[in-house]
Amino acid sequence: MNEKSERLLEELVSVLKKKEDLRQVRDQLFKRGLECLLKVEHTAHLDY
């Protein structure tokens, strides 16, 4: 993991207060990561 990612992760973790906060972050991170991967795959497949 690069330095910027480490700093962002530390900042994110510092604001988590409850288990539910972590679940929400996990779910959003998974959703956005998957959307990003699908967008890249779609772009590569259509070649634009």
C-alpha atoms as a PDB file:
ATOM      1  CA  MET A   1       0.000   0.000   0.000  1.00  0.00           C
ATOM      2  CA  ASN A   2       1.374   3.427  -0.839  1.00  0.00           C
ATOM      3  CA  GLU A   3       1.907   6.244   1.649  1.00  0.00           C
ATOM      4  CA  LYS A   4      -1.157   8.236   0.589  1.00  0.00           C
ATOM      5  CA  SER A   5      -3.405   5.183   0.964  1.00  0.00           C
ATOM      6  CA  GLU A   6      -1.961   4.517   4.420  1.00  0.00           C
ATOM      7  CA  ARG A   7      -2.687   8.107   5.520  1.00  0.00           C
ATOM      8  CA  LEU A   8      -6.246   7.957   4.177  1.00  0.00           C
ATOM      9  CA  LEU A   9      -6.837   4.631   5.877  1.00  0.00           C
ATOM     10  CA  GLU A  10      -5.528   5.947   9.194  1.00  0.00           C
ATOM     11  CA  GLU A  11      -7.794   8.988   8.924  1.00  0.00           C
ATOM     12  CA  LEU A  12     -10.798   6.812   8.131  1.00  0.00           C
ATOM     13  CA  VAL A  13     -10.144   4.389  10.966  1.00  0.00           C
ATOM     14  CA  SER A  14      -9.734   7.243  13.435  1.00  0.00           C
ATOM     15  CA  VAL A  15     -13.355   8.353  12.967  1.00  0.00           C
ATOM     16  CA  LEU A  16     -14.929   4.923  13.414  1.00  0.00           C
ATOM     17  CA  LYS A  17     -16.792   4.741  16.699  1.00  0.00           C
ATOM     18  CA  LYS A  18     -18.965   1.633  16.467  1.00  0.00           C
ATOM     19  CA  LYS A  19     -18.986  -1.729  14.775  1.00  0.00           C
ATOM     20  CA  GLU A  20     -21.776  -0.465  12.532  1.00  0.00           C
ATOM     21  CA  ASP A  21     -19.517   2.361  11.297  1.00  0.00           C
ATOM     22  CA  LEU A  22     -16.987  -0.222  10.168  1.00  0.00           C
ATOM     23  CA  ARG A  23     -19.678  -2.276   8.422  1.00  0.00           C
ATOM     24  CA  GLN A  24     -20.923   0.765   6.538  1.00  0.00           C
ATOM     25  CA  VAL A  25     -17.412   1.728   5.440  1.00  0.00           C
ATOM     26  CA  ARG A  26     -16.686  -1.858   4.377  1.00  0.00           C
ATOM     27  CA  ASP A  27     -19.882  -2.059   2.350  1.00  0.00           C
ATOM     28  CA  GLN A  28     -19.310   1.289   0.630  1.00  0.00           C
ATOM     29  CA  LEU A  29     -15.670   0.498  -0.088  1.00  0.00           C
ATOM     30  CA  PHE A  30     -16.639  -2.834  -1.633  1.00  0.00           C
ATOM     31  CA  LYS A  31     -19.435  -1.242  -3.678  1.00  0.00           C
ATOM     32  CA  ARG A  32     -17.269   1.597  -4.990  1.00  0.00           C
ATOM     33  CA  GLY A  33     -14.329  -0.691  -5.662  1.00  0.00           C
ATOM     34  CA  LEU A  34     -16.509  -3.067  -7.639  1.00  0.00           C
ATOM     35  CA  GLU A  35     -18.052  -0.183  -9.603  1.00  0.00           C
ATOM     36  CA  CYS A  36     -14.571   1.102 -10.432  1.00  0.00           C
ATOM     37  CA  LEU A  37     -13.395  -2.318 -11.604  1.00  0.00           C
ATOM     38  CA  LEU A  38     -16.501  -2.798 -13.741  1.00  0.00           C
ATOM     39  CA  LYS A  39     -16.072   0.642 -15.292  1.00  0.00           C
ATOM     40  CA  VAL A  40     -12.444  -0.117 -16.174  1.00  0.00           C
ATOM     41  CA  GLU A  41     -13.408  -3.494 -17.614  1.00  0.00           C
ATOM     42  CA  HIS A  42     -16.255  -1.931 -19.599  1.00  0.00           C
ATOM     43  CA  THR A  43     -13.961   0.783 -20.969  1.00  0.00           C
ATOM     44  CA  ALA A  44     -11.271  -1.746 -21.911  1.00  0.00           C
ATOM     45  CA  HIS A  45     -13.825  -4.033 -23.536  1.00  0.00           C
ATOM     46  CA  LEU A  46     -15.346  -1.244 -25.655  1.00  0.00           C
ATOM     47  CA  ASP A  47     -11.921   0.321 -26.234  1.00  0.00           C
ATOM     48  CA  TYR A  48     -12.881   3.895 -25.285  1.00  0.00           C
END
